[in-house]
Amino acid sequence: MQLSKLKGFAKLPLLLAAVAVSFPVAAQNVKDYPNRPVRIVTPAAPGGTTDFLARLLANHLSKAWNQQAIVDNRGSASGVNGAQIVKEAAPDGYTLFIPYHQHTVNAALIPKLPYHPVDDFTAITQMTAGGLLLVVNLSHPAKNAKEFVEWAKSTKDPINFGSAGIGSGGHLAGELFKLMANTKGQHIPYKGTGPAVIGLMGGEYHYNFMGLTGAFTQVRAGKLRAIAVSGPARIKAAPDVPSLSEVLPGFSVVGWYGVTAPANLPKPLLTKIHAEIANYVKSAEFGKVAEANGSEAVTNSPEEFRKFMLEDMKKWADVVKRAGIKA
């Protein structure tokens, strides 16, 4: 045998060792996963829906896996900081992420986003879906969805709508309404939901698409009037409030929350993590919590969740472009 071939055989064990090392340790030891704490990054400050869901999930996983799951709050920059941390983490199952609707919207609002909201992550599953609530001041002439759309199309007075800020769910919903109803409306951004609510109650503008939980609090207190939900159908938490799509066919704005991980999470780990989270989201316990917050529990496969996020990106990119929204 030639010396060159002998040298090739001598290198073979090293090559095999290198290949073995290249596979994440987690892929080789799925049965032992997790054997250390799991970090759940949430792109929001403590309090609020994102943090609330992250802590619910962390509590469940800690019990199910007999290993601590820790919530790591990374709020700021519309969720970009938290997403960047997850993108750069190892795909070993020890870093999970709680993205929400702003995650896909950012692709349209931020020209130089340092990651792709879908391709740079491993989709695991969606957790919840919930719309917004279209609310008006008590002095507004519209008493229901039909009257509101007619008012928006026929009034000759300037129309203003408010939101918690530029690029927020309420802002985008208001712009989509303008496009679909073929009406006008000047957006008034506030520094957060609280100031926007105060502004609406004080008659500073005409309407707002607000988060369901906060909006219903004001409606039940008799401070605002509920006109319609923004999702494609009525919700269990308020069956008497119509969907705006009943008057404006095709209108749909759905807020969502889900779970992802760094890109290239090994399939065996993905399967194990997805199964545990999906079983929890399907539970009656989680369903009651979701419903109490005006949303519904949603579970889908990693492939379905990935497709959903891609479609969400495309939808809002179109709205942002047509409405000329700038972050």
C-alpha atoms as a PDB file:
ATOM      1  CA  MET A   1       0.000   0.000   0.000  1.00  0.00           C
ATOM      2  CA  GLN A   2       1.265   3.472  -0.854  1.00  0.00           C
ATOM      3  CA  LEU A   3       2.414   5.728   1.959  1.00  0.00           C
ATOM      4  CA  SER A   4      -0.055   8.425   0.890  1.00  0.00           C
ATOM      5  CA  LYS A   5      -2.941   6.004   1.342  1.00  0.00           C
ATOM      6  CA  LEU A   6      -1.636   4.938   4.738  1.00  0.00           C
ATOM      7  CA  LYS A   7      -1.588   8.580   5.760  1.00  0.00           C
ATOM      8  CA  GLY A   8      -5.193   8.886   4.582  1.00  0.00           C
ATOM      9  CA  PHE A   9      -6.250   5.968   6.782  1.00  0.00           C
ATOM     10  CA  ALA A  10      -4.347   7.494   9.678  1.00  0.00           C
ATOM     11  CA  LYS A  11      -6.395  10.671   9.343  1.00  0.00           C
ATOM     12  CA  LEU A  12      -9.712   8.797   9.237  1.00  0.00           C
ATOM     13  CA  PRO A  13     -10.209   8.543  13.037  1.00  0.00           C
ATOM     14  CA  LEU A  14      -9.558  12.282  13.342  1.00  0.00           C
ATOM     15  CA  LEU A  15     -12.114  13.040  10.632  1.00  0.00           C
ATOM     16  CA  LEU A  16     -14.702  10.836  12.285  1.00  0.00           C
ATOM     17  CA  ALA A  17     -14.029  12.510  15.617  1.00  0.00           C
ATOM     18  CA  ALA A  18     -14.467  15.925  14.045  1.00  0.00           C
ATOM     19  CA  VAL A  19     -17.792  14.877  12.527  1.00  0.00           C
ATOM     20  CA  ALA A  20     -18.984  13.564  15.881  1.00  0.00           C
ATOM     21  CA  VAL A  21     -18.059  16.818  17.618  1.00  0.00           C
ATOM     22  CA  SER A  22     -19.883  18.822  14.959  1.00  0.00           C
ATOM     23  CA  PHE A  23     -23.228  17.367  16.037  1.00  0.00           C
ATOM     24  CA  PRO A  24     -24.666  19.231  19.039  1.00  0.00           C
ATOM     25  CA  VAL A  25     -24.329  17.316  22.244  1.00  0.00           C
ATOM     26  CA  ALA A  26     -28.067  17.682  22.794  1.00  0.00           C
ATOM     27  CA  ALA A  27     -28.775  15.717  19.614  1.00  0.00           C
ATOM     28  CA  GLN A  28     -26.772  12.811  20.949  1.00  0.00           C
ATOM     29  CA  ASN A  29     -28.338  12.879  24.407  1.00  0.00           C
ATOM     30  CA  VAL A  30     -31.994  13.748  23.836  1.00  0.00           C
ATOM     31  CA  LYS A  31     -33.079  11.324  26.551  1.00  0.00           C
ATOM     32  CA  ASP A  32     -30.994  13.259  29.091  1.00  0.00           C
ATOM     33  CA  TYR A  33     -32.355  16.643  28.034  1.00  0.00           C
ATOM     34  CA  PRO A  34     -32.540  18.876  29.952  1.00  0.00           C
ATOM     35  CA  ASN A  35     -29.762  18.229  32.459  1.00  0.00           C
ATOM     36  CA  ARG A  36     -29.254  21.892  33.334  1.00  0.00           C
ATOM     37  CA  PRO A  37     -31.454  25.022  33.532  1.00  0.00           C
ATOM     38  CA  VAL A  38     -33.308  26.158  30.402  1.00  0.00           C
ATOM     39  CA  ARG A  39     -33.408  29.867  29.625  1.00  0.00           C
ATOM     40  CA  ILE A  40     -36.610  31.364  28.193  1.00  0.00           C
ATOM     41  CA  VAL A  41     -35.858  34.742  26.656  1.00  0.00           C
ATOM     42  CA  THR A  42     -38.824  37.100  26.515  1.00  0.00           C
ATOM     43  CA  PRO A  43     -38.499  40.323  24.478  1.00  0.00           C
ATOM     44  CA  ALA A  44     -40.402  42.368  27.048  1.00  0.00           C
ATOM     45  CA  ALA A  45     -40.021  43.841  30.508  1.00  0.00           C
ATOM     46  CA  PRO A  46     -41.618  42.125  33.536  1.00  0.00           C
ATOM     47  CA  GLY A  47     -45.402  42.406  33.512  1.00  0.00           C
ATOM     48  CA  GLY A  48     -47.529  42.340  30.397  1.00  0.00           C
ATOM     49  CA  THR A  49     -48.715  39.434  28.277  1.00  0.00           C
ATOM     50  CA  THR A  50     -45.355  38.298  26.877  1.00  0.00           C
ATOM     51  CA  ASP A  51     -43.757  38.037  30.302  1.00  0.00           C
ATOM     52  CA  PHE A  52     -46.897  36.443  31.753  1.00  0.00           C
ATOM     53  CA  LEU A  53     -46.927  33.665  29.150  1.00  0.00           C
ATOM     54  CA  ALA A  54     -43.183  33.112  29.522  1.00  0.00           C
ATOM     55  CA  ARG A  55     -43.568  32.589  33.264  1.00  0.00           C
ATOM     56  CA  LEU A  56     -46.515  30.233  32.811  1.00  0.00           C
ATOM     57  CA  LEU A  57     -44.439  28.149  30.411  1.00  0.00           C
ATOM     58  CA  ALA A  58     -41.365  28.279  32.646  1.00  0.00           C
ATOM     59  CA  ASN A  59     -43.376  27.045  35.616  1.00  0.00           C
ATOM     60  CA  HIS A  60     -44.793  24.144  33.622  1.00  0.00           C
ATOM     61  CA  LEU A  61     -41.484  23.080  32.079  1.00  0.00           C
ATOM     62  CA  SER A  62     -39.731  23.238  35.458  1.00  0.00           C
ATOM     63  CA  LYS A  63     -42.231  20.714  36.808  1.00  0.00           C
ATOM     64  CA  ALA A  64     -42.433  18.538  33.697  1.00  0.00           C
ATOM     65  CA  TRP A  65     -38.679  18.238  33.188  1.00  0.00           C
ATOM     66  CA  ASN A  66     -37.656  18.399  36.862  1.00  0.00           C
ATOM     67  CA  GLN A  67     -35.173  21.061  35.811  1.00  0.00           C
ATOM     68  CA  GLN A  68     -35.372  24.796  36.360  1.00  0.00           C
ATOM     69  CA  ALA A  69     -36.634  26.990  33.508  1.00  0.00           C
ATOM     70  CA  ILE A  70     -35.625  30.634  33.960  1.00  0.00           C
ATOM     71  CA  VAL A  71     -37.289  33.657  32.350  1.00  0.00           C
ATOM     72  CA  ASP A  72     -34.773  36.150  30.973  1.00  0.00           C
ATOM     73  CA  ASN A  73     -36.460  39.518  30.327  1.00  0.00           C
ATOM     74  CA  ARG A  74     -34.859  41.452  27.484  1.00  0.00           C
ATOM     75  CA  GLY A  75     -37.320  44.226  26.804  1.00  0.00           C
ATOM     76  CA  SER A  76     -36.433  47.207  24.583  1.00  0.00           C
ATOM     77  CA  ALA A  77     -36.084  48.039  20.899  1.00  0.00           C
ATOM     78  CA  SER A  78     -39.455  46.442  20.023  1.00  0.00           C
ATOM     79  CA  GLY A  79     -38.116  42.999  20.879  1.00  0.00           C
ATOM     80  CA  VAL A  80     -34.999  43.213  18.688  1.00  0.00           C
ATOM     81  CA  ASN A  81     -32.514  42.851  21.569  1.00  0.00           C
ATOM     82  CA  GLY A  82     -34.087  39.650  22.846  1.00  0.00           C
ATOM     83  CA  ALA A  83     -34.332  38.132  19.382  1.00  0.00           C
ATOM     84  CA  GLN A  84     -30.680  38.939  18.661  1.00  0.00           C
ATOM     85  CA  ILE A  85     -29.606  37.134  21.838  1.00  0.00           C
ATOM     86  CA  VAL A  86     -31.523  34.023  20.825  1.00  0.00           C
ATOM     87  CA  LYS A  87     -30.233  34.111  17.260  1.00  0.00           C
ATOM     88  CA  GLU A  88     -26.641  34.012  18.538  1.00  0.00           C
ATOM     89  CA  ALA A  89     -27.272  31.273  21.137  1.00  0.00           C
ATOM     90  CA  ALA A  90     -26.299  27.647  20.605  1.00  0.00           C
ATOM     91  CA  PRO A  91     -29.043  25.420  19.103  1.00  0.00           C
ATOM     92  CA  ASP A  92     -28.876  22.992  21.998  1.00  0.00           C
ATOM     93  CA  GLY A  93     -32.367  23.369  23.474  1.00  0.00           C
ATOM     94  CA  TYR A  94     -31.192  25.412  26.450  1.00  0.00           C
ATOM     95  CA  THR A  95     -32.319  28.742  25.009  1.00  0.00           C
ATOM     96  CA  LEU A  96     -35.956  29.255  24.016  1.00  0.00           C
ATOM     97  CA  PHE A  97     -37.682  32.423  22.829  1.00  0.00           C
ATOM     98  CA  ILE A  98     -41.203  33.873  23.182  1.00  0.00           C
ATOM     99  CA  PRO A  99     -41.801  35.879  19.993  1.00  0.00           C
ATOM    100  CA  TYR A 100     -45.053  37.751  19.432  1.00  0.00           C
ATOM    101  CA  HIS A 101     -46.670  39.629  16.562  1.00  0.00           C
ATOM    102  CA  GLN A 102     -44.156  42.494  16.711  1.00  0.00           C
ATOM    103  CA  HIS A 103     -41.459  39.966  15.805  1.00  0.00           C
ATOM    104  CA  THR A 104     -42.694  39.618  12.228  1.00  0.00           C
ATOM    105  CA  VAL A 105     -43.805  43.251  11.932  1.00  0.00           C
ATOM    106  CA  ASN A 106     -40.242  44.385  12.676  1.00  0.00           C
ATOM    107  CA  ALA A 107     -39.099  42.989   9.334  1.00  0.00           C
ATOM    108  CA  ALA A 108     -41.230  45.618   7.597  1.00  0.00           C
ATOM    109  CA  LEU A 109     -40.490  48.496   9.975  1.00  0.00           C
ATOM    110  CA  ILE A 110     -36.733  48.118  10.475  1.00  0.00           C
ATOM    111  CA  PRO A 111     -34.744  48.205   7.196  1.00  0.00           C
ATOM    112  CA  LYS A 112     -31.527  46.775   8.651  1.00  0.00           C
ATOM    113  CA  LEU A 113     -32.941  44.226  11.057  1.00  0.00           C
ATOM    114  CA  PRO A 114     -29.923  42.140  12.224  1.00  0.00           C
ATOM    115  CA  TYR A 115     -31.701  38.835  11.638  1.00  0.00           C
ATOM    116  CA  HIS A 116     -34.477  37.213   9.648  1.00  0.00           C
ATOM    117  CA  PRO A 117     -37.508  36.710  11.941  1.00  0.00           C
ATOM    118  CA  VAL A 118     -38.141  33.214  10.569  1.00  0.00           C
ATOM    119  CA  ASP A 119     -35.038  31.826   8.871  1.00  0.00           C
ATOM    120  CA  ASP A 120     -32.709  32.640  11.782  1.00  0.00           C
ATOM    121  CA  PHE A 121     -34.878  30.728  14.264  1.00  0.00           C
ATOM    122  CA  THR A 122     -36.379  27.284  14.704  1.00  0.00           C
ATOM    123  CA  ALA A 123     -40.168  27.500  14.872  1.00  0.00           C
ATOM    124  CA  ILE A 124     -41.586  25.293  17.644  1.00  0.00           C
ATOM    125  CA  THR A 125     -45.263  26.176  18.101  1.00  0.00           C
ATOM    126  CA  GLN A 126     -47.737  28.997  18.407  1.00  0.00           C
ATOM    127  CA  MET A 127     -49.301  29.375  21.867  1.00  0.00           C
ATOM    128  CA  THR A 128     -52.125  31.892  21.597  1.00  0.00           C
ATOM    129  CA  ALA A 129     -54.051  34.004  19.111  1.00  0.00           C
ATOM    130  CA  GLY A 130     -56.187  36.983  19.949  1.00  0.00           C
ATOM    131  CA  GLY A 131     -57.460  40.058  18.232  1.00  0.00           C
ATOM    132  CA  LEU A 132     -57.708  43.661  19.294  1.00  0.00           C
ATOM    133  CA  LEU A 133     -60.802  45.532  20.397  1.00  0.00           C
ATOM    134  CA  LEU A 134     -62.006  48.530  18.402  1.00  0.00           C
ATOM    135  CA  VAL A 135     -63.160  51.052  20.991  1.00  0.00           C
ATOM    136  CA  VAL A 136     -64.529  54.581  20.845  1.00  0.00           C
ATOM    137  CA  ASN A 137     -65.335  57.402  23.228  1.00  0.00           C
ATOM    138  CA  LEU A 138     -68.799  57.208  24.806  1.00  0.00           C
ATOM    139  CA  SER A 139     -69.834  60.325  22.911  1.00  0.00           C
ATOM    140  CA  HIS A 140     -69.065  58.759  19.518  1.00  0.00           C
ATOM    141  CA  PRO A 141     -72.180  58.541  17.286  1.00  0.00           C
ATOM    142  CA  ALA A 142     -71.558  54.908  16.285  1.00  0.00           C
ATOM    143  CA  LYS A 143     -73.109  52.304  18.564  1.00  0.00           C
ATOM    144  CA  ASN A 144     -72.036  49.193  16.629  1.00  0.00           C
ATOM    145  CA  ALA A 145     -69.688  47.975  13.896  1.00  0.00           C
ATOM    146  CA  LYS A 146     -72.057  48.701  11.008  1.00  0.00           C
ATOM    147  CA  GLU A 147     -72.657  52.261  12.153  1.00  0.00           C
ATOM    148  CA  PHE A 148     -68.936  52.781  12.725  1.00  0.00           C
ATOM    149  CA  VAL A 149     -67.937  51.749   9.195  1.00  0.00           C
ATOM    150  CA  GLU A 150     -70.725  53.905   7.741  1.00  0.00           C
ATOM    151  CA  TRP A 151     -69.563  56.833   9.852  1.00  0.00           C
ATOM    152  CA  ALA A 152     -65.930  56.398   8.771  1.00  0.00           C
ATOM    153  CA  LYS A 153     -66.926  56.344   5.107  1.00  0.00           C
ATOM    154  CA  SER A 154     -69.421  59.189   5.170  1.00  0.00           C
ATOM    155  CA  THR A 155     -68.199  61.778   7.672  1.00  0.00           C
ATOM    156  CA  LYS A 156     -66.694  64.899   6.199  1.00  0.00           C
ATOM    157  CA  ASP A 157     -64.913  65.777   9.441  1.00  0.00           C
ATOM    158  CA  PRO A 158     -61.208  64.901   9.905  1.00  0.00           C
ATOM    159  CA  ILE A 159     -60.796  61.413  11.420  1.00  0.00           C
ATOM    160  CA  ASN A 160     -58.093  60.595  13.959  1.00  0.00           C
ATOM    161  CA  PHE A 161     -57.150  57.256  15.474  1.00  0.00           C
ATOM    162  CA  GLY A 162     -54.712  56.646  18.292  1.00  0.00           C
ATOM    163  CA  SER A 163     -52.345  53.855  19.304  1.00  0.00           C
ATOM    164  CA  ALA A 164     -49.647  52.975  21.815  1.00  0.00           C
ATOM    165  CA  GLY A 165     -47.004  54.053  19.306  1.00  0.00           C
ATOM    166  CA  ILE A 166     -45.711  53.884  15.749  1.00  0.00           C
ATOM    167  CA  GLY A 167     -45.636  50.310  14.474  1.00  0.00           C
ATOM    168  CA  SER A 168     -47.759  48.978  17.338  1.00  0.00           C
ATOM    169  CA  GLY A 169     -50.570  46.511  16.708  1.00  0.00           C
ATOM    170  CA  GLY A 170     -53.142  49.265  17.118  1.00  0.00           C
ATOM    171  CA  HIS A 171     -51.337  51.466  14.605  1.00  0.00           C
ATOM    172  CA  LEU A 172     -51.155  48.728  11.964  1.00  0.00           C
ATOM    173  CA  ALA A 173     -54.783  47.719  12.543  1.00  0.00           C
ATOM    174  CA  GLY A 174     -55.853  51.323  12.057  1.00  0.00           C
ATOM    175  CA  GLU A 175     -53.896  51.589   8.811  1.00  0.00           C
ATOM    176  CA  LEU A 176     -55.343  48.302   7.530  1.00  0.00           C
ATOM    177  CA  PHE A 177     -58.846  49.559   8.341  1.00  0.00           C
ATOM    178  CA  LYS A 178     -58.218  52.721   6.336  1.00  0.00           C
ATOM    179  CA  LEU A 179     -57.009  50.716   3.345  1.00  0.00           C
ATOM    180  CA  MET A 180     -59.854  48.197   3.405  1.00  0.00           C
ATOM    181  CA  ALA A 181     -62.653  50.654   4.204  1.00  0.00           C
ATOM    182  CA  ASN A 182     -61.259  53.158   1.719  1.00  0.00           C
ATOM    183  CA  THR A 183     -61.405  55.947   4.248  1.00  0.00           C
ATOM    184  CA  LYS A 184     -59.032  58.487   5.735  1.00  0.00           C
ATOM    185  CA  GLY A 185     -57.648  58.872   9.219  1.00  0.00           C
ATOM    186  CA  GLN A 186     -54.704  60.615  10.849  1.00  0.00           C
ATOM    187  CA  HIS A 187     -52.661  58.418  13.189  1.00  0.00           C
ATOM    188  CA  ILE A 188     -51.866  59.866  16.612  1.00  0.00           C
ATOM    189  CA  PRO A 189     -49.121  57.864  18.346  1.00  0.00           C
ATOM    190  CA  TYR A 190     -48.925  57.963  22.136  1.00  0.00           C
ATOM    191  CA  LYS A 191     -46.125  56.851  24.421  1.00  0.00           C
ATOM    192  CA  GLY A 192     -47.780  53.658  25.547  1.00  0.00           C
ATOM    193  CA  THR A 193     -51.254  52.222  26.058  1.00  0.00           C
ATOM    194  CA  GLY A 194     -52.020  54.174  29.230  1.00  0.00           C
ATOM    195  CA  PRO A 195     -51.663  57.652  27.696  1.00  0.00           C
ATOM    196  CA  ALA A 196     -53.571  56.492  24.589  1.00  0.00           C
ATOM    197  CA  VAL A 197     -56.503  55.327  26.713  1.00  0.00           C
ATOM    198  CA  ILE A 198     -56.590  58.609  28.604  1.00  0.00           C
ATOM    199  CA  GLY A 199     -56.505  60.468  25.307  1.00  0.00           C
ATOM    200  CA  LEU A 200     -59.449  58.514  23.910  1.00  0.00           C
ATOM    201  CA  MET A 201     -61.544  58.963  27.040  1.00  0.00           C
ATOM    202  CA  GLY A 202     -60.765  62.657  26.884  1.00  0.00           C
ATOM    203  CA  GLY A 203     -61.962  62.921  23.288  1.00  0.00           C
ATOM    204  CA  GLU A 204     -58.548  63.709  21.792  1.00  0.00           C
ATOM    205  CA  TYR A 205     -59.202  61.335  18.856  1.00  0.00           C
ATOM    206  CA  HIS A 206     -61.991  59.090  17.523  1.00  0.00           C
ATOM    207  CA  TYR A 207     -61.023  55.411  17.880  1.00  0.00           C
ATOM    208  CA  ASN A 208     -58.382  52.910  18.889  1.00  0.00           C
ATOM    209  CA  PHE A 209     -57.645  49.221  18.271  1.00  0.00           C
ATOM    210  CA  MET A 210     -56.553  48.198  21.763  1.00  0.00           C
ATOM    211  CA  GLY A 211     -55.342  44.986  23.378  1.00  0.00           C
ATOM    212  CA  LEU A 212     -58.338  42.980  24.537  1.00  0.00           C
ATOM    213  CA  THR A 213     -57.516  42.718  28.222  1.00  0.00           C
ATOM    214  CA  GLY A 214     -56.939  46.427  28.801  1.00  0.00           C
ATOM    215  CA  ALA A 215     -59.768  47.475  26.492  1.00  0.00           C
ATOM    216  CA  PHE A 216     -62.391  45.289  28.158  1.00  0.00           C
ATOM    217  CA  THR A 217     -61.359  46.679  31.544  1.00  0.00           C
ATOM    218  CA  GLN A 218     -62.314  50.160  30.359  1.00  0.00           C
ATOM    219  CA  VAL A 219     -65.470  48.969  28.584  1.00  0.00           C
ATOM    220  CA  ARG A 220     -66.750  47.126  31.662  1.00  0.00           C
ATOM    221  CA  ALA A 221     -66.002  50.200  33.753  1.00  0.00           C
ATOM    222  CA  GLY A 222     -68.269  52.182  31.429  1.00  0.00           C
ATOM    223  CA  LYS A 223     -65.476  54.453  30.202  1.00  0.00           C
ATOM    224  CA  LEU A 224     -65.257  53.284  26.566  1.00  0.00           C
ATOM    225  CA  ARG A 225     -67.617  51.621  24.070  1.00  0.00           C
ATOM    226  CA  ALA A 226     -66.747  48.324  22.387  1.00  0.00           C
ATOM    227  CA  ILE A 227     -67.432  48.345  18.647  1.00  0.00           C
ATOM    228  CA  ALA A 228     -65.839  45.154  17.299  1.00  0.00           C
ATOM    229  CA  VAL A 229     -63.021  42.640  17.693  1.00  0.00           C
ATOM    230  CA  SER A 230     -60.340  42.628  15.017  1.00  0.00           C
ATOM    231  CA  GLY A 231     -60.000  38.863  14.601  1.00  0.00           C
ATOM    232  CA  PRO A 232     -61.810  36.844  11.927  1.00  0.00           C
ATOM    233  CA  ALA A 233     -64.527  35.673  14.348  1.00  0.00           C
ATOM    234  CA  ARG A 234     -66.216  36.549  17.620  1.00  0.00           C
ATOM    235  CA  ILE A 235     -64.492  35.454  20.815  1.00  0.00           C
ATOM    236  CA  LYS A 236     -65.762  33.449  23.778  1.00  0.00           C
ATOM    237  CA  ALA A 237     -64.844  36.198  26.221  1.00  0.00           C
ATOM    238  CA  ALA A 238     -67.275  38.604  24.510  1.00  0.00           C
ATOM    239  CA  PRO A 239     -69.722  36.737  22.266  1.00  0.00           C
ATOM    240  CA  ASP A 240     -71.983  39.785  21.890  1.00  0.00           C
ATOM    241  CA  VAL A 241     -69.244  41.898  20.332  1.00  0.00           C
ATOM    242  CA  PRO A 242     -69.111  41.293  16.562  1.00  0.00           C
ATOM    243  CA  SER A 243     -66.032  40.747  14.472  1.00  0.00           C
ATOM    244  CA  LEU A 244     -65.260  43.715  12.242  1.00  0.00           C
ATOM    245  CA  SER A 245     -65.062  41.218   9.372  1.00  0.00           C
ATOM    246  CA  GLU A 246     -68.850  40.804   9.614  1.00  0.00           C
ATOM    247  CA  VAL A 247     -69.135  44.334   8.231  1.00  0.00           C
ATOM    248  CA  LEU A 248     -65.782  44.585   6.458  1.00  0.00           C
ATOM    249  CA  PRO A 249     -65.214  41.121   4.888  1.00  0.00           C
ATOM    250  CA  GLY A 250     -61.624  39.944   4.979  1.00  0.00           C
ATOM    251  CA  PHE A 251     -60.504  42.278   7.749  1.00  0.00           C
ATOM    252  CA  SER A 252     -58.369  40.395  10.269  1.00  0.00           C
ATOM    253  CA  VAL A 253     -55.735  41.504  12.739  1.00  0.00           C
ATOM    254  CA  VAL A 254     -54.593  38.757  15.083  1.00  0.00           C
ATOM    255  CA  GLY A 255     -52.069  39.160  17.836  1.00  0.00           C
ATOM    256  CA  TRP A 256     -50.115  35.985  18.543  1.00  0.00           C
ATOM    257  CA  TYR A 257     -47.501  34.514  20.863  1.00  0.00           C
ATOM    258  CA  GLY A 258     -45.350  31.465  20.279  1.00  0.00           C
ATOM    259  CA  VAL A 259     -42.124  29.635  21.044  1.00  0.00           C
ATOM    260  CA  THR A 260     -38.994  29.401  18.933  1.00  0.00           C
ATOM    261  CA  ALA A 261     -35.336  28.494  19.412  1.00  0.00           C
ATOM    262  CA  PRO A 262     -32.064  29.301  17.637  1.00  0.00           C
ATOM    263  CA  ALA A 263     -31.830  28.090  14.046  1.00  0.00           C
ATOM    264  CA  ASN A 264     -30.768  24.504  13.341  1.00  0.00           C
ATOM    265  CA  LEU A 265     -32.182  22.989  16.518  1.00  0.00           C
ATOM    266  CA  PRO A 266     -31.673  19.218  16.030  1.00  0.00           C
ATOM    267  CA  LYS A 267     -34.851  17.415  14.984  1.00  0.00           C
ATOM    268  CA  PRO A 268     -34.917  14.997  17.968  1.00  0.00           C
ATOM    269  CA  LEU A 269     -34.732  17.946  20.386  1.00  0.00           C
ATOM    270  CA  LEU A 270     -37.337  19.882  18.432  1.00  0.00           C
ATOM    271  CA  THR A 271     -39.696  16.923  18.585  1.00  0.00           C
ATOM    272  CA  LYS A 272     -39.271  16.540  22.345  1.00  0.00           C
ATOM    273  CA  ILE A 273     -39.649  20.241  23.152  1.00  0.00           C
ATOM    274  CA  HIS A 274     -42.616  20.675  20.803  1.00  0.00           C
ATOM    275  CA  ALA A 275     -44.456  17.702  22.311  1.00  0.00           C
ATOM    276  CA  GLU A 276     -44.116  19.013  25.870  1.00  0.00           C
ATOM    277  CA  ILE A 277     -45.158  22.570  25.072  1.00  0.00           C
ATOM    278  CA  ALA A 278     -48.013  21.511  22.773  1.00  0.00           C
ATOM    279  CA  ASN A 279     -49.455  19.209  25.436  1.00  0.00           C
ATOM    280  CA  TYR A 280     -49.424  22.074  27.925  1.00  0.00           C
ATOM    281  CA  VAL A 281     -51.049  24.556  25.546  1.00  0.00           C
ATOM    282  CA  LYS A 282     -53.789  21.993  24.840  1.00  0.00           C
ATOM    283  CA  SER A 283     -54.516  21.592  28.556  1.00  0.00           C
ATOM    284  CA  ALA A 284     -57.672  22.947  30.163  1.00  0.00           C
ATOM    285  CA  GLU A 285     -55.536  24.921  32.595  1.00  0.00           C
ATOM    286  CA  PHE A 286     -53.793  26.901  29.868  1.00  0.00           C
ATOM    287  CA  GLY A 287     -57.003  27.272  27.861  1.00  0.00           C
ATOM    288  CA  LYS A 288     -58.766  28.967  30.771  1.00  0.00           C
ATOM    289  CA  VAL A 289     -55.897  31.396  31.246  1.00  0.00           C
ATOM    290  CA  ALA A 290     -55.860  32.270  27.551  1.00  0.00           C
ATOM    291  CA  GLU A 291     -59.622  32.800  27.443  1.00  0.00           C
ATOM    292  CA  ALA A 292     -59.525  34.989  30.545  1.00  0.00           C
ATOM    293  CA  ASN A 293     -57.093  37.241  28.682  1.00  0.00           C
ATOM    294  CA  GLY A 294     -59.332  37.508  25.619  1.00  0.00           C
ATOM    295  CA  SER A 295     -57.408  35.075  23.414  1.00  0.00           C
ATOM    296  CA  GLU A 296     -57.486  31.376  22.628  1.00  0.00           C
ATOM    297  CA  ALA A 297     -54.927  28.607  22.936  1.00  0.00           C
ATOM    298  CA  VAL A 298     -53.358  27.574  19.639  1.00  0.00           C
ATOM    299  CA  THR A 299     -51.034  24.688  18.911  1.00  0.00           C
ATOM    300  CA  ASN A 300     -49.567  23.859  15.554  1.00  0.00           C
ATOM    301  CA  SER A 301     -46.623  21.936  14.150  1.00  0.00           C
ATOM    302  CA  PRO A 302     -43.221  23.586  13.689  1.00  0.00           C
ATOM    303  CA  GLU A 303     -43.825  23.595   9.925  1.00  0.00           C
ATOM    304  CA  GLU A 304     -47.246  25.226  10.319  1.00  0.00           C
ATOM    305  CA  PHE A 305     -45.925  27.846  12.725  1.00  0.00           C
ATOM    306  CA  ARG A 306     -43.062  28.687  10.374  1.00  0.00           C
ATOM    307  CA  LYS A 307     -45.495  29.096   7.472  1.00  0.00           C
ATOM    308  CA  PHE A 308     -47.775  31.259   9.630  1.00  0.00           C
ATOM    309  CA  MET A 309     -44.930  33.632  10.520  1.00  0.00           C
ATOM    310  CA  LEU A 310     -43.814  33.938   6.899  1.00  0.00           C
ATOM    311  CA  GLU A 311     -47.366  34.832   5.849  1.00  0.00           C
ATOM    312  CA  ASP A 312     -47.626  37.344   8.706  1.00  0.00           C
ATOM    313  CA  MET A 313     -44.400  39.001   7.548  1.00  0.00           C
ATOM    314  CA  LYS A 314     -45.713  39.287   4.003  1.00  0.00           C
ATOM    315  CA  LYS A 315     -49.065  40.721   5.116  1.00  0.00           C
ATOM    316  CA  TRP A 316     -47.609  43.487   7.261  1.00  0.00           C
ATOM    317  CA  ALA A 317     -44.857  44.321   4.795  1.00  0.00           C
ATOM    318  CA  ASP A 318     -47.608  45.114   2.295  1.00  0.00           C
ATOM    319  CA  VAL A 319     -49.590  47.224   4.795  1.00  0.00           C
ATOM    320  CA  VAL A 320     -46.497  49.135   5.938  1.00  0.00           C
ATOM    321  CA  LYS A 321     -45.486  49.859   2.341  1.00  0.00           C
ATOM    322  CA  ARG A 322     -48.956  50.952   1.204  1.00  0.00           C
ATOM    323  CA  ALA A 323     -49.505  53.092   4.298  1.00  0.00           C
ATOM    324  CA  GLY A 324     -46.017  54.596   4.136  1.00  0.00           C
ATOM    325  CA  ILE A 325     -45.281  53.778   7.786  1.00  0.00           C
ATOM    326  CA  LYS A 326     -41.783  54.657   9.034  1.00  0.00           C
ATOM    327  CA  ALA A 327     -40.377  53.405  12.314  1.00  0.00           C
END
